[in-house]
Amino acid sequence: MYLLTTEASFDSAHFLSGYKGKCSNLHGHRWRIIAEIEQETLCETEQLRGMVVDFGDLKHDLKEIADSFDHSLIIETGSLKNTTLEALRGENFSILEVPFRPTAEEFARYFYCCMTEKGYSVSRMTVYETPNNCAVYTGEEKINA
């Protein structure tokens, strides 16, 4: 099995609606995303012969996703009052609404799905919220018996 790894990063703020504690305030992170893809065999076509994928393409695709979040406020859809959103947008702040609570765990799954949709065989996706804390998503769902 061949495993390839690349990473990207972005800076953004987020808000965890309903959270009780220090992180209930709007705050920011330098998010670090590590994508790991896997493949059992190497390509045999001339351009990619001896490779799993072109590292340039892999890096570009992950960076494209990361860059879409860079220097923005990421919030869960419906988590802020309309008047708050209007005021922030009135100041021309970049606000991205996502259909999930913007946690490292949810981002790991989100980035995993994005890269899978781009055609990669993702082994796992790791998202660092801080230099010492990360979440990993492998795509494997366990069923409780």
N, C-alpha and C. Protein backbone atom coordinates (compact mmCIF):
# COMPACT_ATOMS: atom_id res chain seq x y z
N MET A 1 0.85 -1.18 0.00
CA MET A 1 0.00 0.00 0.00
C MET A 1 0.89 1.24 0.00
N TYR A 2 0.60 2.18 -0.87
CA TYR A 2 1.32 3.45 -0.93
C TYR A 2 0.50 4.51 -0.20
N LEU A 3 1.16 5.30 0.62
CA LEU A 3 0.52 6.40 1.34
C LEU A 3 1.23 7.69 0.97
N LEU A 4 0.46 8.70 0.58
CA LEU A 4 1.01 10.01 0.29
C LEU A 4 0.40 11.00 1.27
N THR A 5 1.19 11.96 1.69
CA THR A 5 0.74 12.96 2.64
C THR A 5 1.09 14.34 2.14
N THR A 6 0.15 15.26 2.28
CA THR A 6 0.42 16.67 2.03
C THR A 6 -0.36 17.48 3.04
N GLU A 7 -0.02 18.75 3.15
CA GLU A 7 -0.73 19.58 4.12
C GLU A 7 -0.92 20.99 3.61
N ALA A 8 -1.89 21.64 4.22
CA ALA A 8 -2.20 23.04 3.93
C ALA A 8 -2.64 23.67 5.24
N SER A 9 -2.75 24.98 5.25
CA SER A 9 -3.20 25.65 6.46
C SER A 9 -3.98 26.91 6.10
N PHE A 10 -4.73 27.39 7.08
CA PHE A 10 -5.46 28.64 6.90
C PHE A 10 -5.69 29.26 8.27
N ASP A 11 -5.93 30.56 8.28
CA ASP A 11 -6.22 31.30 9.49
C ASP A 11 -7.68 31.74 9.44
N SER A 12 -8.39 31.50 10.53
CA SER A 12 -9.78 31.95 10.57
C SER A 12 -10.26 32.01 12.01
N ALA A 13 -11.40 32.66 12.15
CA ALA A 13 -12.08 32.71 13.44
C ALA A 13 -13.29 31.79 13.35
N HIS A 14 -13.73 31.32 14.50
CA HIS A 14 -14.97 30.55 14.52
C HIS A 14 -15.70 30.79 15.82
N PHE A 15 -16.93 30.33 15.84
CA PHE A 15 -17.82 30.51 16.98
C PHE A 15 -18.54 29.18 17.20
N LEU A 16 -18.52 28.70 18.44
CA LEU A 16 -19.16 27.42 18.76
C LEU A 16 -20.46 27.69 19.52
N SER A 17 -21.52 27.75 18.78
CA SER A 17 -22.83 28.02 19.37
C SER A 17 -23.19 26.96 20.40
N GLY A 18 -23.67 27.41 21.55
CA GLY A 18 -24.11 26.48 22.59
C GLY A 18 -23.02 25.94 23.47
N TYR A 19 -21.77 26.26 23.19
CA TYR A 19 -20.66 25.77 24.00
C TYR A 19 -20.53 26.61 25.26
N LYS A 20 -20.32 25.96 26.37
CA LYS A 20 -20.14 26.64 27.66
C LYS A 20 -18.67 26.52 28.05
N GLY A 21 -17.98 27.61 28.12
CA GLY A 21 -16.57 27.59 28.48
C GLY A 21 -15.80 28.66 27.74
N LYS A 22 -14.48 28.61 27.90
CA LYS A 22 -13.61 29.64 27.33
C LYS A 22 -13.83 29.79 25.83
N CYS A 23 -14.06 28.70 25.14
CA CYS A 23 -14.21 28.76 23.68
C CYS A 23 -15.60 29.16 23.22
N SER A 24 -16.44 29.61 24.15
CA SER A 24 -17.75 30.09 23.74
C SER A 24 -17.65 31.46 23.07
N ASN A 25 -16.55 32.16 23.30
CA ASN A 25 -16.32 33.44 22.63
C ASN A 25 -15.80 33.21 21.23
N LEU A 26 -16.06 34.17 20.38
CA LEU A 26 -15.49 34.17 19.05
C LEU A 26 -13.96 34.17 19.21
N HIS A 27 -13.29 33.27 18.52
CA HIS A 27 -11.83 33.17 18.62
C HIS A 27 -11.27 32.58 17.34
N GLY A 28 -9.95 32.69 17.19
CA GLY A 28 -9.34 32.25 15.95
C GLY A 28 -8.27 31.21 16.14
N HIS A 29 -7.91 30.60 15.03
CA HIS A 29 -6.88 29.55 15.01
C HIS A 29 -6.08 29.64 13.73
N ARG A 30 -4.92 29.04 13.78
CA ARG A 30 -4.14 28.72 12.58
C ARG A 30 -4.40 27.23 12.37
N TRP A 31 -5.34 26.91 11.49
CA TRP A 31 -5.73 25.53 11.24
C TRP A 31 -4.70 24.88 10.32
N ARG A 32 -4.32 23.64 10.63
CA ARG A 32 -3.38 22.87 9.81
C ARG A 32 -4.08 21.59 9.39
N ILE A 33 -4.12 21.34 8.10
CA ILE A 33 -4.81 20.18 7.55
C ILE A 33 -3.79 19.24 6.93
N ILE A 34 -3.84 17.98 7.32
CA ILE A 34 -2.94 16.99 6.75
C ILE A 34 -3.80 15.92 6.07
N ALA A 35 -3.63 15.80 4.77
CA ALA A 35 -4.37 14.81 4.00
C ALA A 35 -3.47 13.63 3.71
N GLU A 36 -3.98 12.43 3.94
CA GLU A 36 -3.26 11.20 3.61
C GLU A 36 -4.11 10.41 2.62
N ILE A 37 -3.51 10.11 1.48
CA ILE A 37 -4.23 9.30 0.49
C ILE A 37 -3.49 7.99 0.32
N GLU A 38 -4.22 6.98 -0.16
CA GLU A 38 -3.63 5.66 -0.30
C GLU A 38 -4.00 5.04 -1.63
N GLN A 39 -3.14 4.14 -2.07
CA GLN A 39 -3.40 3.40 -3.29
C GLN A 39 -2.52 2.16 -3.28
N GLU A 40 -3.07 1.06 -3.72
CA GLU A 40 -2.32 -0.20 -3.71
C GLU A 40 -1.30 -0.30 -4.83
N THR A 41 -1.58 0.34 -5.95
CA THR A 41 -0.68 0.23 -7.09
C THR A 41 -0.28 1.61 -7.58
N LEU A 42 0.78 1.66 -8.33
CA LEU A 42 1.23 2.90 -8.94
C LEU A 42 0.63 3.02 -10.34
N CYS A 43 0.49 4.25 -10.79
CA CYS A 43 -0.03 4.48 -12.14
C CYS A 43 0.96 3.96 -13.17
N GLU A 44 0.42 3.57 -14.31
CA GLU A 44 1.26 3.04 -15.38
C GLU A 44 1.26 3.92 -16.62
N THR A 45 0.43 4.97 -16.63
CA THR A 45 0.41 5.86 -17.78
C THR A 45 1.68 6.70 -17.79
N GLU A 46 2.06 7.13 -18.96
CA GLU A 46 3.35 7.82 -19.15
C GLU A 46 3.56 8.99 -18.18
N GLN A 47 2.62 9.92 -18.14
CA GLN A 47 2.79 11.11 -17.30
C GLN A 47 2.93 10.77 -15.82
N LEU A 48 2.11 9.86 -15.33
CA LEU A 48 2.10 9.53 -13.90
C LEU A 48 2.76 8.19 -13.60
N ARG A 49 3.47 7.62 -14.57
CA ARG A 49 4.09 6.32 -14.38
C ARG A 49 4.98 6.33 -13.14
N GLY A 50 4.76 5.35 -12.25
CA GLY A 50 5.54 5.24 -11.03
C GLY A 50 5.06 6.13 -9.89
N MET A 51 3.90 6.77 -10.07
CA MET A 51 3.35 7.65 -9.04
C MET A 51 1.96 7.19 -8.64
N VAL A 52 1.53 7.61 -7.46
CA VAL A 52 0.14 7.45 -7.07
C VAL A 52 -0.67 8.57 -7.72
N VAL A 53 -0.24 9.80 -7.48
CA VAL A 53 -0.81 10.99 -8.11
C VAL A 53 0.34 11.99 -8.25
N ASP A 54 0.09 13.04 -8.98
CA ASP A 54 1.05 14.13 -9.06
C ASP A 54 0.94 14.94 -7.78
N PHE A 55 2.05 15.06 -7.03
CA PHE A 55 2.02 15.81 -5.78
C PHE A 55 1.54 17.25 -6.01
N GLY A 56 1.87 17.83 -7.16
CA GLY A 56 1.41 19.19 -7.46
C GLY A 56 -0.09 19.29 -7.47
N ASP A 57 -0.75 18.29 -8.07
CA ASP A 57 -2.21 18.28 -8.11
C ASP A 57 -2.80 18.07 -6.72
N LEU A 58 -2.21 17.15 -5.98
CA LEU A 58 -2.69 16.87 -4.62
C LEU A 58 -2.59 18.11 -3.75
N LYS A 59 -1.42 18.76 -3.76
CA LYS A 59 -1.22 19.98 -2.96
C LYS A 59 -2.18 21.08 -3.40
N HIS A 60 -2.34 21.25 -4.69
CA HIS A 60 -3.23 22.29 -5.23
C HIS A 60 -4.67 22.08 -4.76
N ASP A 61 -5.14 20.85 -4.85
CA ASP A 61 -6.53 20.58 -4.49
C ASP A 61 -6.80 20.80 -3.00
N LEU A 62 -5.87 20.39 -2.14
CA LEU A 62 -6.06 20.62 -0.71
C LEU A 62 -5.95 22.11 -0.39
N LYS A 63 -5.00 22.79 -1.00
CA LYS A 63 -4.82 24.23 -0.76
C LYS A 63 -6.04 25.02 -1.21
N GLU A 64 -6.63 24.61 -2.31
CA GLU A 64 -7.83 25.29 -2.82
C GLU A 64 -8.96 25.25 -1.79
N ILE A 65 -9.13 24.10 -1.16
CA ILE A 65 -10.16 23.98 -0.12
C ILE A 65 -9.80 24.83 1.08
N ALA A 66 -8.56 24.73 1.54
CA ALA A 66 -8.12 25.51 2.70
C ALA A 66 -8.26 27.00 2.45
N ASP A 67 -7.85 27.45 1.28
CA ASP A 67 -7.91 28.88 0.95
C ASP A 67 -9.33 29.43 0.97
N SER A 68 -10.31 28.57 0.73
CA SER A 68 -11.70 29.05 0.72
C SER A 68 -12.17 29.46 2.13
N PHE A 69 -11.43 29.02 3.16
CA PHE A 69 -11.76 29.37 4.54
C PHE A 69 -10.85 30.46 5.12
N ASP A 70 -9.79 30.80 4.41
CA ASP A 70 -8.77 31.67 4.97
C ASP A 70 -9.29 33.07 5.27
N HIS A 71 -8.89 33.59 6.42
CA HIS A 71 -9.23 34.93 6.88
C HIS A 71 -10.73 35.21 6.84
N SER A 72 -11.48 34.29 7.40
CA SER A 72 -12.93 34.46 7.48
C SER A 72 -13.42 34.08 8.87
N LEU A 73 -14.65 34.43 9.14
CA LEU A 73 -15.35 33.99 10.34
C LEU A 73 -16.23 32.82 9.92
N ILE A 74 -16.01 31.67 10.53
CA ILE A 74 -16.76 30.47 10.17
C ILE A 74 -17.79 30.21 11.26
N ILE A 75 -19.04 30.13 10.85
CA ILE A 75 -20.12 29.89 11.80
C ILE A 75 -21.04 28.79 11.29
N GLU A 76 -21.71 28.16 12.22
CA GLU A 76 -22.73 27.18 11.86
C GLU A 76 -23.97 27.93 11.41
N THR A 77 -24.57 27.48 10.33
CA THR A 77 -25.78 28.10 9.82
C THR A 77 -26.83 28.20 10.94
N GLY A 78 -27.38 29.39 11.11
CA GLY A 78 -28.43 29.61 12.10
C GLY A 78 -27.93 29.86 13.52
N SER A 79 -26.62 29.98 13.71
CA SER A 79 -26.10 30.12 15.07
C SER A 79 -26.00 31.56 15.55
N LEU A 80 -26.11 32.52 14.65
CA LEU A 80 -26.09 33.94 15.04
C LEU A 80 -27.42 34.60 14.68
N LYS A 81 -27.77 35.59 15.44
CA LYS A 81 -28.98 36.36 15.14
C LYS A 81 -28.81 37.08 13.81
N ASN A 82 -29.92 37.24 13.09
CA ASN A 82 -29.86 37.93 11.80
C ASN A 82 -29.30 39.34 11.94
N THR A 83 -29.64 40.04 13.02
CA THR A 83 -29.13 41.40 13.21
C THR A 83 -27.61 41.39 13.38
N THR A 84 -27.08 40.37 14.04
CA THR A 84 -25.63 40.24 14.20
C THR A 84 -24.97 39.98 12.86
N LEU A 85 -25.54 39.06 12.10
CA LEU A 85 -24.99 38.76 10.77
C LEU A 85 -25.03 39.98 9.86
N GLU A 86 -26.14 40.70 9.89
CA GLU A 86 -26.26 41.89 9.04
C GLU A 86 -25.23 42.94 9.43
N ALA A 87 -25.01 43.12 10.73
CA ALA A 87 -24.02 44.10 11.19
C ALA A 87 -22.61 43.69 10.74
N LEU A 88 -22.27 42.43 10.88
CA LEU A 88 -20.95 41.96 10.46
C LEU A 88 -20.77 42.09 8.95
N ARG A 89 -21.78 41.71 8.21
CA ARG A 89 -21.70 41.83 6.76
C ARG A 89 -21.66 43.29 6.32
N GLY A 90 -22.34 44.15 7.10
CA GLY A 90 -22.31 45.59 6.83
C GLY A 90 -20.91 46.17 6.98
N GLU A 91 -20.08 45.53 7.75
CA GLU A 91 -18.68 45.94 7.93
C GLU A 91 -17.77 45.24 6.91
N ASN A 92 -18.37 44.49 5.99
CA ASN A 92 -17.66 43.76 4.94
C ASN A 92 -16.75 42.65 5.47
N PHE A 93 -17.14 42.03 6.59
CA PHE A 93 -16.40 40.89 7.10
C PHE A 93 -16.72 39.66 6.24
N SER A 94 -15.74 38.83 6.04
CA SER A 94 -15.94 37.58 5.33
C SER A 94 -16.52 36.56 6.31
N ILE A 95 -17.74 36.16 6.07
CA ILE A 95 -18.42 35.21 6.95
C ILE A 95 -18.80 33.99 6.12
N LEU A 96 -18.40 32.82 6.61
CA LEU A 96 -18.75 31.58 5.94
C LEU A 96 -19.66 30.77 6.86
N GLU A 97 -20.81 30.43 6.35
CA GLU A 97 -21.74 29.59 7.10
C GLU A 97 -21.58 28.15 6.63
N VAL A 98 -21.44 27.24 7.58
CA VAL A 98 -21.32 25.82 7.27
C VAL A 98 -22.47 25.08 7.96
N PRO A 99 -22.88 23.94 7.41
CA PRO A 99 -24.01 23.20 7.98
C PRO A 99 -23.63 22.31 9.16
N PHE A 100 -22.54 22.64 9.85
CA PHE A 100 -22.09 21.87 11.00
C PHE A 100 -21.42 22.82 11.98
N ARG A 101 -21.28 22.37 13.22
CA ARG A 101 -20.55 23.15 14.22
C ARG A 101 -19.07 23.14 13.81
N PRO A 102 -18.43 24.29 13.65
CA PRO A 102 -17.07 24.34 13.11
C PRO A 102 -16.00 23.92 14.12
N THR A 103 -15.97 22.63 14.39
CA THR A 103 -14.98 22.04 15.29
C THR A 103 -13.91 21.33 14.45
N ALA A 104 -12.79 21.01 15.08
CA ALA A 104 -11.73 20.28 14.37
C ALA A 104 -12.25 18.93 13.88
N GLU A 105 -13.08 18.27 14.69
CA GLU A 105 -13.63 16.97 14.31
C GLU A 105 -14.50 17.08 13.06
N GLU A 106 -15.38 18.07 13.05
CA GLU A 106 -16.26 18.24 11.89
C GLU A 106 -15.48 18.67 10.65
N PHE A 107 -14.46 19.52 10.85
CA PHE A 107 -13.63 19.91 9.71
C PHE A 107 -12.87 18.72 9.15
N ALA A 108 -12.39 17.83 10.01
CA ALA A 108 -11.67 16.65 9.52
C ALA A 108 -12.57 15.84 8.60
N ARG A 109 -13.81 15.64 9.01
CA ARG A 109 -14.75 14.90 8.16
C ARG A 109 -15.06 15.68 6.87
N TYR A 110 -15.28 16.99 7.01
CA TYR A 110 -15.60 17.83 5.85
C TYR A 110 -14.48 17.78 4.81
N PHE A 111 -13.22 17.99 5.24
CA PHE A 111 -12.10 17.97 4.30
C PHE A 111 -11.90 16.58 3.69
N TYR A 112 -12.14 15.54 4.48
CA TYR A 112 -12.08 14.16 3.99
C TYR A 112 -13.06 14.00 2.82
N CYS A 113 -14.29 14.44 3.04
CA CYS A 113 -15.32 14.32 2.00
C CYS A 113 -14.99 15.15 0.77
N CYS A 114 -14.48 16.37 0.97
CA CYS A 114 -14.11 17.23 -0.16
C CYS A 114 -13.04 16.58 -1.02
N MET A 115 -12.02 16.03 -0.40
CA MET A 115 -10.95 15.40 -1.17
C MET A 115 -11.41 14.10 -1.83
N THR A 116 -12.31 13.38 -1.16
CA THR A 116 -12.88 12.17 -1.76
C THR A 116 -13.68 12.54 -3.01
N GLU A 117 -14.45 13.63 -2.92
CA GLU A 117 -15.24 14.09 -4.07
C GLU A 117 -14.34 14.51 -5.22
N LYS A 118 -13.12 14.92 -4.93
CA LYS A 118 -12.18 15.30 -5.99
C LYS A 118 -11.50 14.07 -6.60
N GLY A 119 -11.86 12.87 -6.11
CA GLY A 119 -11.37 11.64 -6.70
C GLY A 119 -10.21 10.97 -5.98
N TYR A 120 -9.84 11.49 -4.83
CA TYR A 120 -8.73 10.89 -4.09
C TYR A 120 -9.22 9.77 -3.18
N SER A 121 -8.40 8.75 -3.01
CA SER A 121 -8.68 7.67 -2.08
C SER A 121 -8.06 8.08 -0.73
N VAL A 122 -8.86 8.79 0.06
CA VAL A 122 -8.36 9.36 1.30
C VAL A 122 -8.28 8.29 2.37
N SER A 123 -7.14 8.18 2.99
CA SER A 123 -6.93 7.25 4.09
C SER A 123 -7.38 7.89 5.40
N ARG A 124 -6.91 9.12 5.62
CA ARG A 124 -7.36 9.87 6.79
C ARG A 124 -7.04 11.33 6.62
N MET A 125 -7.78 12.13 7.35
CA MET A 125 -7.63 13.57 7.33
C MET A 125 -7.41 14.02 8.77
N THR A 126 -6.36 14.79 8.99
CA THR A 126 -6.03 15.30 10.32
C THR A 126 -6.15 16.81 10.29
N VAL A 127 -6.83 17.36 11.29
CA VAL A 127 -6.98 18.81 11.39
C VAL A 127 -6.48 19.26 12.76
N TYR A 128 -5.45 20.09 12.73
CA TYR A 128 -4.91 20.68 13.95
C TYR A 128 -5.59 22.02 14.19
N GLU A 129 -6.16 22.16 15.37
CA GLU A 129 -6.77 23.42 15.78
C GLU A 129 -5.72 24.28 16.47
N THR A 130 -4.81 23.64 17.17
CA THR A 130 -3.67 24.28 17.80
C THR A 130 -2.46 23.39 17.50
N PRO A 131 -1.24 23.85 17.78
CA PRO A 131 -0.08 23.00 17.51
C PRO A 131 -0.10 21.66 18.25
N ASN A 132 -0.84 21.57 19.36
CA ASN A 132 -0.84 20.35 20.17
C ASN A 132 -2.14 19.56 20.14
N ASN A 133 -3.17 20.06 19.46
CA ASN A 133 -4.48 19.40 19.49
C ASN A 133 -5.02 19.22 18.08
N CYS A 134 -5.35 17.96 17.78
CA CYS A 134 -5.86 17.67 16.45
C CYS A 134 -6.99 16.66 16.51
N ALA A 135 -7.73 16.59 15.43
CA ALA A 135 -8.78 15.58 15.25
C ALA A 135 -8.46 14.83 13.96
N VAL A 136 -8.74 13.54 13.96
CA VAL A 136 -8.48 12.69 12.80
C VAL A 136 -9.79 12.03 12.38
N TYR A 137 -10.03 12.03 11.06
CA TYR A 137 -11.19 11.33 10.52
C TYR A 137 -10.70 10.33 9.48
N THR A 138 -11.14 9.08 9.62
CA THR A 138 -10.70 8.02 8.71
C THR A 138 -11.80 7.56 7.75
N GLY A 139 -12.99 8.08 7.93
CA GLY A 139 -14.08 7.67 7.06
C GLY A 139 -14.73 6.39 7.48
N GLU A 140 -14.22 5.78 8.51
CA GLU A 140 -14.77 4.52 8.98
C GLU A 140 -15.80 4.80 10.07
N GLU A 141 -17.01 4.41 9.81
CA GLU A 141 -18.08 4.56 10.79
C GLU A 141 -18.29 3.24 11.51
N LYS A 142 -18.24 3.27 12.81
CA LYS A 142 -18.47 2.05 13.58
C LYS A 142 -19.95 1.96 13.93
N ILE A 143 -20.48 0.77 13.82
CA ILE A 143 -21.88 0.54 14.14
C ILE A 143 -21.95 -0.13 15.50
N ASN A 144 -22.67 0.51 16.40
CA ASN A 144 -22.81 -0.07 17.75
C ASN A 144 -23.83 -1.19 17.73
N ALA A 145 -23.46 -2.31 18.31
CA ALA A 145 -24.36 -3.47 18.31
C ALA A 145 -25.31 -3.42 19.48
